[in-house]
């Protein structure tokens, strides 16, 4: 089938008409698109919030389970530490010579001394459940039979250590528990070494500080009797208020009592045979989630209303700025001068300023290029003159080609470092502190404290920084060869102060080995040329050279006006 040119034109026209039709359909005021944007954000946000709330509730359940396990584990570990400590004390007392010899009076005295300052007491119980020793009372006091013969008898029968349930002690006259360790004496008699502890002392184990708000914890014996609790309603020696405690499974569970649902977590102590339980009302546990849902719903409604009001306000601002910009565009079309306007929308303000700023930028760039070209030419001539002087002086003072090459290389490297600083700070000026550190760094020994630089910020122009940089390089070279840096303890101090219209700079070497012949020879070299000629001629500096017993000192006075070319600086800034 052949397609004619006319058909192709019609098809092309139809293809172009589709985007045009789409653009006409998308032609709406700004407020329409803002409202659409709000709907696109708010509706998915609400849906996402529902999902997040559900995930948060699930995560909260897992977090609470973890917190509860942590809390009950902390109580369990504290209880088992108490019990382990008591077993360790029984092991110690079982080795007593008084016990082996049947000297109960001596054993009483030793145990009382060992347990002094604690809330633990020592007992010895024989097979007939008679108390032979009890450190609660003085030795010799008539003693009652054991207050808990059932658990004591079980410990003797099993022949292994164990922990009793809670019972009321006849001698203590309060709720206590015992830790038993059976033992056979040399006489063949079987006795129970016993440590007894008041239940009241375990209150510090059930510490409310380790629990989340609204939660309580308790330590229960194997019968479900409360030993210690953070809830004052759960009294020691009374059954726990949830009567089915012995049937509680370990871990997290839910239980109802008198129409109230509780969430619980239970741990079992294999050492004591007790349970540690933490509990709270389910309504208290779920209260944060309910509160979060309410706040989320209220916040969503408020957010939607604020977003709608904001959309209307933003649309009005946008429309006004667009009309102003269109008005300025028409004036520009008529050939009128249009001054930049202040717009609420920075992008529109940028458009308004674009042409004026472009013209200003072009003029500024051309001025900077001309200035930089003059600077490049000026600095190139200066550096060529300096390099020529360095070459001549290095050649004159060198004894051989190798020395000449090394000397010339170091001086060129010092000049290069100064040049790097000039390039990095083309128009701002070079800081004297940075220049000094830059030049002295290659000569600084491992102990950096041997080179000290101190002085206020002083900005130098390129010519001054180049001259001072070469001077500092030569001073450092001489110090390394003949002065303070030629030994292991010498110190170089460079300092300066601005006094009136001058800069007073001091180079002081101390703790150096003085070689006056070397000093005299060095003053004929390139270093002295730089210091005395270049500083004097280029910067109008006045120099004083002093030889101390432990090193040399240079005092240099330079007019501050020669260190900073303000005209050049202003040109560069412009």
Protein backbone atom coordinates (compact mmCIF):
# COMPACT_ATOMS: atom_id res chain seq x y z
CA UNK A 1 0.00 0.00 0.00
CA UNK A 2 1.36 3.42 -0.99
CA UNK A 3 0.98 6.39 1.36
CA UNK A 4 0.68 9.71 -0.40
CA UNK A 5 2.40 12.91 0.78
CA UNK A 6 -1.00 14.29 1.62
CA UNK A 7 -1.73 11.34 3.90
CA UNK A 8 1.66 11.76 5.62
CA UNK A 9 0.89 15.46 6.18
CA UNK A 10 -2.49 14.61 7.70
CA UNK A 11 -0.93 11.96 9.94
CA UNK A 12 1.82 14.34 11.05
CA UNK A 13 -0.72 17.02 11.74
CA UNK A 14 -2.77 14.58 13.80
CA UNK A 15 0.31 13.55 15.83
CA UNK A 16 1.07 17.19 16.57
CA UNK A 17 -2.55 17.86 17.48
CA UNK A 18 -2.54 15.24 20.28
CA UNK A 19 0.10 17.00 22.49
CA UNK A 20 -1.65 20.31 21.82
CA UNK A 21 -4.96 18.83 22.93
CA UNK A 22 -3.29 17.38 26.02
CA UNK A 23 -1.81 20.79 26.86
CA UNK A 24 -5.25 22.40 26.53
CA UNK A 25 -6.70 19.86 28.93
CA UNK A 26 -3.87 20.55 31.41
CA UNK A 27 -4.53 24.30 31.29
CA UNK A 28 -5.61 25.19 34.83
CA UNK A 29 -4.79 27.86 37.41
CA UNK A 30 -2.03 27.32 39.98
CA UNK A 31 -4.47 26.68 42.83
CA UNK A 32 -5.80 23.61 40.96
CA UNK A 33 -2.36 22.02 40.79
CA UNK A 34 -1.60 22.88 44.42
CA UNK A 35 -4.80 21.22 45.59
CA UNK A 36 -3.98 18.19 43.46
CA UNK A 37 -0.54 18.12 45.05
CA UNK A 38 -2.10 18.20 48.52
CA UNK A 39 -4.42 15.31 47.63
CA UNK A 40 -1.53 13.31 46.20
CA UNK A 41 0.41 13.82 49.45
CA UNK A 42 -2.34 13.62 52.07
CA UNK A 43 -4.32 10.61 50.84
CA UNK A 44 -1.30 8.26 50.54
CA UNK A 45 -0.01 9.69 53.83
CA UNK A 46 -3.21 8.66 55.63
CA UNK A 47 -3.12 5.20 54.06
CA UNK A 48 0.52 4.86 54.95
CA UNK A 49 -0.21 6.05 58.49
CA UNK A 50 -2.73 3.26 58.95
CA UNK A 51 -0.14 0.71 57.88
CA UNK A 52 2.49 2.34 60.09
CA UNK A 53 0.12 2.38 63.05
CA UNK A 54 -0.56 -1.31 62.65
CA UNK A 55 3.16 -2.06 62.34
CA UNK A 56 3.85 0.22 65.30
CA UNK A 57 1.33 -1.65 67.43
CA UNK A 58 2.94 -4.95 66.51
CA UNK A 59 6.38 -3.53 67.16
CA UNK A 60 5.18 -2.10 70.47
CA UNK A 61 3.99 -5.53 71.52
CA UNK A 62 7.40 -6.97 70.70
CA UNK A 63 9.14 -4.11 72.50
CA UNK A 64 7.00 -4.54 75.59
CA UNK A 65 7.65 -8.26 75.54
CA UNK A 66 11.38 -7.57 75.32
CA UNK A 67 11.20 -4.97 78.10
CA UNK A 68 9.23 -7.31 80.31
CA UNK A 69 11.65 -10.14 79.73
CA UNK A 70 14.50 -7.79 80.49
CA UNK A 71 12.84 -6.60 83.70
CA UNK A 72 12.02 -10.06 85.01
CA UNK A 73 15.46 -11.30 83.94
CA UNK A 74 17.03 -8.47 85.93
CA UNK A 75 15.02 -9.45 89.01
CA UNK A 76 15.83 -13.13 88.44
CA UNK A 77 19.55 -12.41 88.13
CA UNK A 78 19.47 -10.32 91.30
CA UNK A 79 17.72 -13.10 93.23
CA UNK A 80 20.11 -15.72 91.96
CA UNK A 81 23.08 -13.53 92.88
CA UNK A 82 21.72 -13.36 96.43
CA UNK A 83 21.21 -17.14 96.57
CA UNK A 84 24.63 -17.86 94.99
CA UNK A 85 26.27 -15.59 97.51
CA UNK A 86 24.57 -17.45 100.35
CA UNK A 87 25.69 -20.84 98.96
CA UNK A 88 29.25 -19.51 98.72
CA UNK A 89 29.10 -18.44 102.36
CA UNK A 90 27.86 -21.92 103.35
CA UNK A 91 30.76 -23.49 101.44
CA UNK A 92 33.16 -21.31 103.37
CA UNK A 93 31.63 -22.10 106.75
CA UNK A 94 31.57 -25.83 105.96
CA UNK A 95 35.38 -25.79 106.07
CA UNK A 96 35.47 -24.37 109.61
CA UNK A 97 37.70 -26.30 112.02
CA UNK A 98 35.23 -25.53 114.81
CA UNK A 99 32.54 -27.37 112.85
CA UNK A 100 34.82 -30.36 112.22
CA UNK A 101 35.71 -30.53 115.91
CA UNK A 102 32.09 -30.07 117.09
CA UNK A 103 32.95 -26.74 118.73
CA UNK A 104 29.59 -25.06 118.17
CA UNK A 105 30.48 -22.11 120.37
CA UNK A 106 33.50 -21.36 118.20
CA UNK A 107 31.45 -21.96 115.07
CA UNK A 108 28.82 -19.51 116.35
CA UNK A 109 31.47 -16.85 116.96
CA UNK A 110 33.10 -17.38 113.53
CA UNK A 111 29.78 -17.30 111.66
CA UNK A 112 28.60 -14.19 113.52
CA UNK A 113 31.82 -12.41 112.62
CA UNK A 114 31.63 -13.54 108.98
CA UNK A 115 28.03 -12.35 108.61
CA UNK A 116 28.47 -9.17 110.62
CA UNK A 117 26.87 -6.18 108.89
CA UNK A 118 24.62 -8.35 106.70
CA UNK A 119 20.99 -9.35 107.07
CA UNK A 120 21.87 -13.07 106.91
CA UNK A 121 22.04 -15.46 109.86
CA UNK A 122 23.65 -18.90 110.25
CA UNK A 123 21.97 -22.02 111.65
CA UNK A 124 22.97 -25.64 112.17
CA UNK A 125 20.05 -28.12 112.22
CA UNK A 126 20.44 -31.79 113.15
CA UNK A 127 18.45 -34.77 111.86
CA UNK A 128 15.82 -34.37 114.56
CA UNK A 129 15.15 -30.80 113.33
CA UNK A 130 16.75 -29.28 116.45
CA UNK A 131 18.66 -26.05 116.05
CA UNK A 132 22.21 -26.49 117.33
CA UNK A 133 23.42 -22.98 116.34
CA UNK A 134 21.52 -19.76 115.51
CA UNK A 135 23.43 -16.48 115.18
CA UNK A 136 20.22 -14.47 115.59
CA UNK A 137 20.61 -15.04 119.35
CA UNK A 138 23.67 -15.35 121.62
CA UNK A 139 25.20 -18.78 121.88
CA UNK A 140 23.66 -20.79 124.70
CA UNK A 141 20.20 -19.30 124.31
CA UNK A 142 17.57 -22.10 124.30
CA UNK A 143 16.56 -22.70 120.68
CA UNK A 144 13.29 -23.86 119.18
CA UNK A 145 12.90 -26.63 116.67
CA UNK A 146 13.35 -25.70 112.99
CA UNK A 147 10.49 -23.49 111.79
CA UNK A 148 10.41 -25.17 108.35
CA UNK A 149 10.88 -28.88 109.03
CA UNK A 150 9.38 -29.91 105.66
CA UNK A 151 11.98 -28.27 103.40
CA UNK A 152 14.77 -29.03 105.92
CA UNK A 153 13.78 -32.70 105.92
CA UNK A 154 13.72 -32.76 102.11
CA UNK A 155 17.22 -31.27 101.98
CA UNK A 156 18.54 -33.93 104.40
CA UNK A 157 16.74 -36.72 102.57
CA UNK A 158 18.06 -35.67 99.14
CA UNK A 159 21.52 -34.89 100.43
CA UNK A 160 21.77 -31.84 98.20
CA UNK A 161 21.55 -28.11 98.70
CA UNK A 162 18.22 -26.38 98.18
CA UNK A 163 16.24 -23.21 98.86
CA UNK A 164 13.10 -23.24 100.96
CA UNK A 165 9.80 -21.55 100.28
CA UNK A 166 8.75 -18.57 102.38
CA UNK A 167 7.81 -19.36 106.01
CA UNK A 168 7.32 -17.52 109.28
CA UNK A 169 10.44 -17.85 111.46
CA UNK A 170 9.77 -18.52 115.14
CA UNK A 171 13.03 -16.98 116.26
CA UNK A 172 13.03 -14.13 113.72
CA UNK A 173 9.29 -13.49 114.26
CA UNK A 174 8.95 -12.48 110.61
CA UNK A 175 8.80 -13.98 107.13
CA UNK A 176 12.09 -15.60 106.10
CA UNK A 177 13.54 -18.18 103.72
CA UNK A 178 16.40 -20.62 104.20
CA UNK A 179 19.26 -21.91 102.09
CA UNK A 180 20.33 -25.43 103.08
CA UNK A 181 23.54 -27.40 102.54
CA UNK A 182 23.61 -30.94 103.99
CA UNK A 183 26.91 -32.07 105.54
CA UNK A 184 28.24 -35.15 107.26
CA UNK A 185 30.44 -34.43 110.27
CA UNK A 186 33.53 -36.50 111.17
CA UNK A 187 31.43 -38.05 113.95
CA UNK A 188 29.11 -39.48 111.25
CA UNK A 189 26.23 -37.18 112.16
CA UNK A 190 24.32 -35.50 109.32
CA UNK A 191 23.48 -31.83 109.83
CA UNK A 192 22.09 -28.99 107.75
CA UNK A 193 24.22 -25.90 107.40
CA UNK A 194 21.63 -23.18 106.96
CA UNK A 195 21.59 -19.51 106.07
CA UNK A 196 18.35 -17.66 106.77
CA UNK A 197 17.41 -14.30 105.33
CA UNK A 198 14.47 -11.99 106.00
CA UNK A 199 12.07 -11.68 103.08
CA UNK A 200 12.00 -7.93 103.70
CA UNK A 201 15.64 -7.79 102.57
CA UNK A 202 14.63 -8.90 99.06
CA UNK A 203 12.57 -5.76 98.49
CA UNK A 204 15.60 -4.08 96.98
CA UNK A 205 15.77 -6.91 94.41
CA UNK A 206 12.28 -6.08 93.15
CA UNK A 207 13.40 -2.63 92.03
CA UNK A 208 10.67 -0.50 90.39
CA UNK A 209 13.36 1.52 88.58
CA UNK A 210 13.94 -1.32 86.09
CA UNK A 211 10.22 -1.43 85.15
CA UNK A 212 8.26 0.62 82.63
CA UNK A 213 5.57 2.98 84.00
CA UNK A 214 2.45 1.08 85.04
CA UNK A 215 4.26 -2.20 85.58
CA UNK A 216 4.90 -4.08 88.83
CA UNK A 217 7.08 -7.06 89.66
CA UNK A 218 7.07 -9.68 92.37
CA UNK A 219 9.13 -12.65 93.56
CA UNK A 220 6.96 -15.70 94.32
CA UNK A 221 7.93 -19.02 95.89
CA UNK A 222 6.87 -22.35 94.42
CA UNK A 223 3.47 -22.15 96.20
CA UNK A 224 2.69 -18.71 94.75
CA UNK A 225 3.35 -16.87 98.00
CA UNK A 226 4.64 -13.31 97.66
CA UNK A 227 8.23 -12.96 98.87
CA UNK A 228 8.81 -9.39 97.67
CA UNK A 229 6.85 -7.04 95.42
CA UNK A 230 6.93 -3.51 94.04
CA UNK A 231 3.15 -3.32 94.57
CA UNK A 232 2.36 -2.49 98.19
CA UNK A 233 -1.00 -4.27 97.82
CA UNK A 234 0.84 -7.58 97.41
CA UNK A 235 1.93 -8.28 100.98
CA UNK A 236 4.80 -10.58 101.86
CA UNK A 237 3.55 -14.00 103.01
CA UNK A 238 0.18 -13.63 101.26
CA UNK A 239 -0.83 -15.53 98.11
CA UNK A 240 -0.38 -13.62 94.87
CA UNK A 241 -3.65 -12.00 93.75
CA UNK A 242 -3.70 -14.06 90.53
CA UNK A 243 -4.63 -17.37 92.05
CA UNK A 244 -3.52 -19.49 89.10
CA UNK A 245 0.12 -18.52 89.37
CA UNK A 246 1.43 -22.09 89.61
CA UNK A 247 -0.18 -22.75 86.22
CA UNK A 248 1.41 -19.73 84.56
CA UNK A 249 3.56 -20.61 81.62
CA UNK A 250 6.96 -18.99 81.31
CA UNK A 251 7.25 -15.99 79.03
CA UNK A 252 4.51 -13.54 78.08
CA UNK A 253 0.85 -14.33 78.69
CA UNK A 254 -2.53 -12.70 79.23
CA UNK A 255 -4.81 -13.41 82.19
CA UNK A 256 -8.12 -12.10 83.48
CA UNK A 257 -9.04 -11.55 87.10
CA UNK A 258 -12.24 -9.99 88.42
CA UNK A 259 -13.14 -8.66 84.96
CA UNK A 260 -9.74 -7.03 84.41
CA UNK A 261 -7.26 -8.31 81.85
CA UNK A 262 -3.57 -8.33 82.70
CA UNK A 263 -0.47 -8.84 80.65
CA UNK A 264 2.21 -10.86 82.41
CA UNK A 265 5.68 -12.16 81.87
CA UNK A 266 7.11 -14.94 84.03
CA UNK A 267 10.60 -16.30 84.56
CA UNK A 268 11.68 -19.29 86.61
CA UNK A 269 14.79 -19.49 88.77
CA UNK A 270 16.21 -22.97 88.52
CA UNK A 271 18.53 -22.19 91.42
CA UNK A 272 15.83 -21.13 93.91
CA UNK A 273 12.75 -22.81 92.41
CA UNK A 274 10.93 -19.45 92.55
CA UNK A 275 9.10 -17.41 89.95
CA UNK A 276 9.69 -13.78 88.98
CA UNK A 277 6.59 -12.16 87.55
CA UNK A 278 5.88 -8.71 86.08
CA UNK A 279 2.34 -7.57 85.35
CA UNK A 280 0.26 -4.60 84.21
CA UNK A 281 -3.30 -3.94 83.15
CA UNK A 282 -3.83 -4.51 79.44
CA UNK A 283 -5.61 -1.17 79.20
CA UNK A 284 -2.52 0.61 80.56
CA UNK A 285 -0.30 -1.23 78.10
CA UNK A 286 -2.50 -0.35 75.13
CA UNK A 287 -3.05 3.27 76.20
CA UNK A 288 0.00 4.64 74.29
CA UNK A 289 -1.17 3.00 71.05
CA UNK A 290 -4.69 4.39 71.44
CA UNK A 291 -3.30 7.81 72.24
CA UNK A 292 -1.01 7.64 69.20
CA UNK A 293 -3.96 6.80 66.93
CA UNK A 294 -6.00 9.73 68.26
CA UNK A 295 -3.12 12.17 67.85
CA UNK A 296 -2.48 10.81 64.36
CA UNK A 297 -6.09 11.32 63.35
CA UNK A 298 -6.28 14.82 64.84
CA UNK A 299 -2.93 15.78 63.35
CA UNK A 300 -3.98 14.51 59.92
CA UNK A 301 -7.14 16.59 59.91
CA UNK A 302 -5.30 19.70 61.10
CA UNK A 303 -2.55 19.12 58.56
CA UNK A 304 -5.06 18.80 55.72
CA UNK A 305 -6.82 22.05 56.71
CA UNK A 306 -3.55 23.93 57.04
CA UNK A 307 -2.36 22.56 53.72
CA UNK A 308 -5.55 23.69 51.97
CA UNK A 309 -5.33 27.20 53.44
CA UNK A 310 -1.64 27.39 52.54
CA UNK A 311 -2.35 26.25 49.00
CA UNK A 312 -4.83 29.07 48.46
CA UNK A 313 -2.38 31.64 49.88
CA UNK A 314 0.55 30.34 47.81
CA UNK A 315 -1.60 30.34 44.69
CA UNK A 316 -2.49 34.00 45.22
CA UNK A 317 1.19 34.93 45.66
CA UNK A 318 2.20 32.98 42.56
CA UNK A 319 -0.53 34.53 40.45
CA UNK A 320 0.38 38.06 41.54
CA UNK A 321 4.10 37.58 40.81
CA UNK A 322 3.42 36.01 37.44
CA UNK A 323 1.18 38.96 36.46
CA UNK A 324 3.92 41.43 37.50
CA UNK A 325 6.53 39.52 35.50
CA UNK A 326 4.21 39.47 32.45
CA UNK A 327 3.70 43.24 32.83
CA UNK A 328 7.48 43.80 32.92
CA UNK A 329 7.89 41.56 29.86
CA UNK A 330 5.39 43.66 27.93
CA UNK A 331 7.21 46.86 28.97
CA UNK A 332 10.47 45.31 27.80
CA UNK A 333 8.79 44.51 24.49
CA UNK A 334 7.79 48.18 24.17
CA UNK A 335 11.44 49.13 24.65
CA UNK A 336 11.03 50.60 28.10
CA UNK A 337 13.72 50.25 30.77
CA UNK A 338 12.78 47.59 33.30
CA UNK A 339 14.37 47.74 36.75
CA UNK A 340 14.75 44.53 38.77
CA UNK A 341 11.80 43.83 41.08
CA UNK A 342 11.54 42.10 44.45
CA UNK A 343 9.44 38.96 44.09
CA UNK A 344 8.19 36.50 46.69
CA UNK A 345 9.43 33.72 44.38
CA UNK A 346 13.19 33.79 44.07
CA UNK A 347 13.19 32.14 40.64
CA UNK A 348 11.08 34.98 39.19
CA UNK A 349 13.33 37.53 40.86
CA UNK A 350 16.32 35.79 39.28
CA UNK A 351 14.76 36.15 35.83
CA UNK A 352 14.17 39.85 36.47
CA UNK A 353 17.80 40.41 37.47
CA UNK A 354 19.41 38.14 34.88
CA UNK A 355 20.18 40.66 32.13
CA UNK A 356 21.54 43.40 34.42
CA UNK A 357 23.64 40.91 36.35
CA UNK A 358 25.01 39.41 33.11
CA UNK A 359 26.18 42.82 31.94
CA UNK A 360 27.79 43.60 35.28
CA UNK A 361 29.46 40.21 35.37
CA UNK A 362 30.90 40.68 31.88
CA UNK A 363 32.45 44.05 32.77
CA UNK A 364 33.85 42.64 36.00
CA UNK A 365 35.30 39.60 34.24
CA UNK A 366 37.01 41.74 31.61
CA UNK A 367 38.55 43.94 34.30
CA UNK A 368 39.79 40.91 36.21
CA UNK A 369 41.32 39.37 33.08
CA UNK A 370 43.21 42.56 32.30
CA UNK A 371 44.39 42.85 35.89
CA UNK A 372 45.53 39.21 36.00
CA UNK A 373 47.39 39.57 32.71
CA UNK A 374 49.27 42.57 34.09
CA UNK A 375 50.01 40.68 37.29
CA UNK A 376 51.29 37.63 35.37
CA UNK A 377 53.62 39.80 33.30
CA UNK A 378 54.82 41.75 36.36
CA UNK A 379 55.43 38.65 38.49
CA UNK A 380 57.10 36.77 35.67
CA UNK A 381 59.63 39.59 35.24
CA UNK A 382 60.25 39.70 38.99
CA UNK A 383 60.77 35.96 39.26
CA UNK A 384 63.11 35.86 36.27
CA UNK A 385 65.22 38.58 37.93
CA UNK A 386 65.26 36.69 41.23
CA UNK A 387 66.13 33.38 39.57
CA UNK A 388 68.96 35.04 37.67
CA UNK A 389 70.35 36.46 40.95
CA UNK A 390 70.02 33.05 42.62
CA UNK A 391 71.78 31.39 39.71
CA UNK A 392 74.68 33.83 39.76
CA UNK A 393 75.14 33.68 43.55
CA UNK A 394 74.80 29.87 43.71
CA UNK A 395 77.37 29.47 40.95
CA UNK A 396 79.77 31.87 42.65
CA UNK A 397 79.56 30.16 46.07
CA UNK A 398 79.55 26.51 44.93
CA UNK A 399 82.72 24.44 45.03
CA UNK A 400 81.50 21.87 42.51
CA UNK A 401 78.63 21.17 40.14
CA UNK A 402 76.80 18.89 42.57
CA UNK A 403 76.82 21.50 45.34
CA UNK A 404 75.71 24.16 42.86
CA UNK A 405 72.81 21.99 41.64
CA UNK A 406 71.65 21.13 45.17
CA UNK A 407 71.92 24.71 46.43
CA UNK A 408 70.15 26.10 43.38
CA UNK A 409 67.43 23.40 43.61
CA UNK A 410 66.64 24.21 47.26
CA UNK A 411 66.43 27.92 46.55
CA UNK A 412 64.15 27.38 43.58
CA UNK A 413 61.98 25.08 45.74
CA UNK A 414 61.68 27.81 48.38
CA UNK A 415 60.74 30.32 45.67
CA UNK A 416 58.17 27.82 44.35
CA UNK A 417 56.54 27.51 47.76
CA UNK A 418 56.22 31.28 47.98
CA UNK A 419 54.78 31.30 44.45
CA UNK A 420 52.20 28.66 45.41
CA UNK A 421 51.05 30.86 48.28
CA UNK A 422 50.84 33.88 45.95
CA UNK A 423 48.72 31.94 43.47
CA UNK A 424 46.43 30.57 46.22
CA UNK A 425 45.93 34.07 47.61
CA UNK A 426 46.07 36.08 44.41
CA UNK A 427 44.10 39.11 45.54
CA UNK A 428 43.63 38.59 49.27
CA UNK A 429 47.29 38.77 50.23
CA UNK A 430 49.58 36.18 51.84
CA UNK A 431 49.47 35.77 55.62
CA UNK A 432 52.95 36.07 57.19
CA UNK A 433 52.19 33.17 59.57
CA UNK A 434 51.34 30.88 56.65
CA UNK A 435 54.42 32.03 54.72
CA UNK A 436 56.70 31.37 57.71
CA UNK A 437 55.29 27.89 58.32
CA UNK A 438 55.52 27.09 54.63
CA UNK A 439 59.19 28.06 54.39
CA UNK A 440 60.33 26.51 57.72
CA UNK A 441 58.42 23.24 57.33
CA UNK A 442 61.13 21.41 55.28
CA UNK A 443 63.72 22.29 57.96
CA UNK A 444 61.62 21.45 61.03
CA UNK A 445 63.12 18.50 62.98
CA UNK A 446 61.09 15.60 64.39
CA UNK A 447 60.64 17.56 67.60
CA UNK A 448 58.42 20.30 66.18
CA UNK A 449 58.71 22.26 69.46
CA UNK A 450 62.24 23.26 68.42
CA UNK A 451 60.81 25.64 65.82
CA UNK A 452 58.58 28.34 67.28
CA UNK A 453 56.58 30.84 65.23
CA UNK A 454 54.54 33.56 66.89
CA UNK A 455 53.08 36.82 65.68
CA UNK A 456 49.86 38.59 64.68
CA UNK A 457 48.23 38.26 61.27
CA UNK A 458 50.04 40.43 58.71
CA UNK A 459 49.03 40.36 55.03
CA UNK A 460 51.81 40.63 52.42
CA UNK A 461 51.64 41.54 48.76
CA UNK A 462 53.24 39.12 46.25
CA UNK A 463 56.54 41.02 46.00
CA UNK A 464 57.00 41.26 49.79
CA UNK A 465 56.03 37.63 50.34
CA UNK A 466 58.52 36.48 47.70
CA UNK A 467 61.36 38.48 49.28
CA UNK A 468 60.54 37.46 52.86
CA UNK A 469 60.06 33.84 51.79
CA UNK A 470 63.57 33.73 50.29
CA UNK A 471 64.98 35.39 53.43
CA UNK A 472 63.34 32.82 55.71
CA UNK A 473 64.56 30.00 53.48
CA UNK A 474 68.15 31.21 53.71
CA UNK A 475 67.95 31.71 57.49
CA UNK A 476 66.60 28.14 57.85
CA UNK A 477 69.37 26.79 55.61
CA UNK A 478 72.08 28.53 57.69
CA UNK A 479 70.49 27.31 60.94
CA UNK A 480 70.55 23.74 59.59
CA UNK A 481 74.19 24.00 58.51
CA UNK A 482 75.77 26.05 61.30
CA UNK A 483 73.15 27.07 63.85
CA UNK A 484 70.44 25.82 66.21
CA UNK A 485 69.12 23.12 63.87
CA UNK A 486 72.58 21.60 63.35
CA UNK A 487 72.41 19.81 66.73
CA UNK A 488 69.80 17.83 68.66
CA UNK A 489 68.67 20.52 71.12
CA UNK A 490 68.85 23.92 69.43
CA UNK A 491 65.74 26.08 69.17
CA UNK A 492 64.73 28.57 66.48
CA UNK A 493 62.26 31.30 67.45
CA UNK A 494 60.66 33.53 64.82
CA UNK A 495 58.45 36.32 66.14
CA UNK A 496 57.15 39.68 65.00
CA UNK A 497 55.04 42.55 66.24
CA UNK A 498 53.55 45.60 64.59
CA UNK A 499 54.82 48.74 66.32
CA UNK A 500 53.44 51.96 64.93
CA UNK A 501 54.16 52.07 61.19
CA UNK A 502 56.79 49.31 61.29
CA UNK A 503 56.94 45.55 61.56
CA UNK A 504 59.63 44.37 63.98
CA UNK A 505 60.72 40.83 63.11
CA UNK A 506 63.18 38.81 65.23
CA UNK A 507 64.97 35.59 64.22
CA UNK A 508 66.64 34.12 67.32
CA UNK A 509 68.62 30.90 67.53
CA UNK A 510 69.40 29.48 70.99
CA UNK A 511 71.22 26.45 72.44
CA UNK A 512 73.36 26.34 69.30
CA UNK A 513 77.05 25.53 68.99
CA UNK A 514 78.74 28.80 67.97
CA UNK A 515 81.25 28.57 65.13
CA UNK A 516 82.23 32.18 64.46
CA UNK A 517 84.25 31.27 61.35
CA UNK A 518 81.23 29.52 59.86
CA UNK A 519 79.04 32.48 60.79
CA UNK A 520 81.49 34.87 59.14
CA UNK A 521 81.58 32.68 56.01
CA UNK A 522 77.80 32.43 55.85
CA UNK A 523 77.50 36.23 55.89
CA UNK A 524 79.32 36.34 52.57
CA UNK A 525 76.93 33.92 50.95
CA UNK A 526 73.58 34.26 49.23
CA UNK A 527 71.74 34.36 52.58
CA UNK A 528 73.34 37.64 53.56
CA UNK A 529 72.72 39.00 50.07
CA UNK A 530 69.01 38.23 50.48
CA UNK A 531 68.85 39.62 53.99
CA UNK A 532 70.99 42.71 53.68
CA UNK A 533 70.47 43.65 50.04
CA UNK A 534 67.07 42.40 48.97
CA UNK A 535 65.34 43.15 52.29
CA UNK A 536 67.11 46.48 52.49
CA UNK A 537 66.59 47.47 48.88
CA UNK A 538 63.22 45.91 48.15
CA UNK A 539 61.50 46.56 51.48
CA UNK A 540 63.54 49.45 52.97
CA UNK A 541 64.34 47.14 55.90
CA UNK A 542 66.82 47.92 58.67
CA UNK A 543 68.80 44.90 59.89
CA UNK A 544 70.80 44.25 63.05
CA UNK A 545 72.92 41.11 63.36
CA UNK A 546 73.86 39.96 66.89
CA UNK A 547 76.01 37.00 67.88
CA UNK A 548 75.08 35.59 71.31
CA UNK A 549 76.96 32.94 73.26
CA UNK A 550 74.38 30.31 72.34
CA UNK A 551 73.33 31.46 68.86
CA UNK A 552 72.77 34.31 66.43
CA UNK A 553 69.95 36.85 66.28
CA UNK A 554 68.63 38.92 63.38
CA UNK A 555 66.46 41.95 64.11
CA UNK A 556 64.63 43.30 61.07
CA UNK A 557 62.51 46.47 60.98
CA UNK A 558 60.31 46.86 57.88
CA UNK A 559 57.83 49.67 57.12
CA UNK A 560 54.34 48.19 57.02
CA UNK A 561 53.60 50.27 53.94
CA UNK A 562 56.20 48.23 51.96
CA UNK A 563 54.54 44.93 52.85
CA UNK A 564 51.16 45.61 51.30
CA UNK A 565 50.51 47.27 47.96
CA UNK A 566 47.04 48.70 48.61
CA UNK A 567 46.63 49.98 45.07
CA UNK A 568 47.18 46.52 43.64
CA UNK A 569 44.89 45.02 46.25
CA UNK A 570 42.10 47.43 45.41
CA UNK A 571 42.52 46.74 41.72
CA UNK A 572 42.35 43.02 42.28
CA UNK A 573 39.31 43.36 44.51
CA UNK A 574 37.61 45.57 41.92
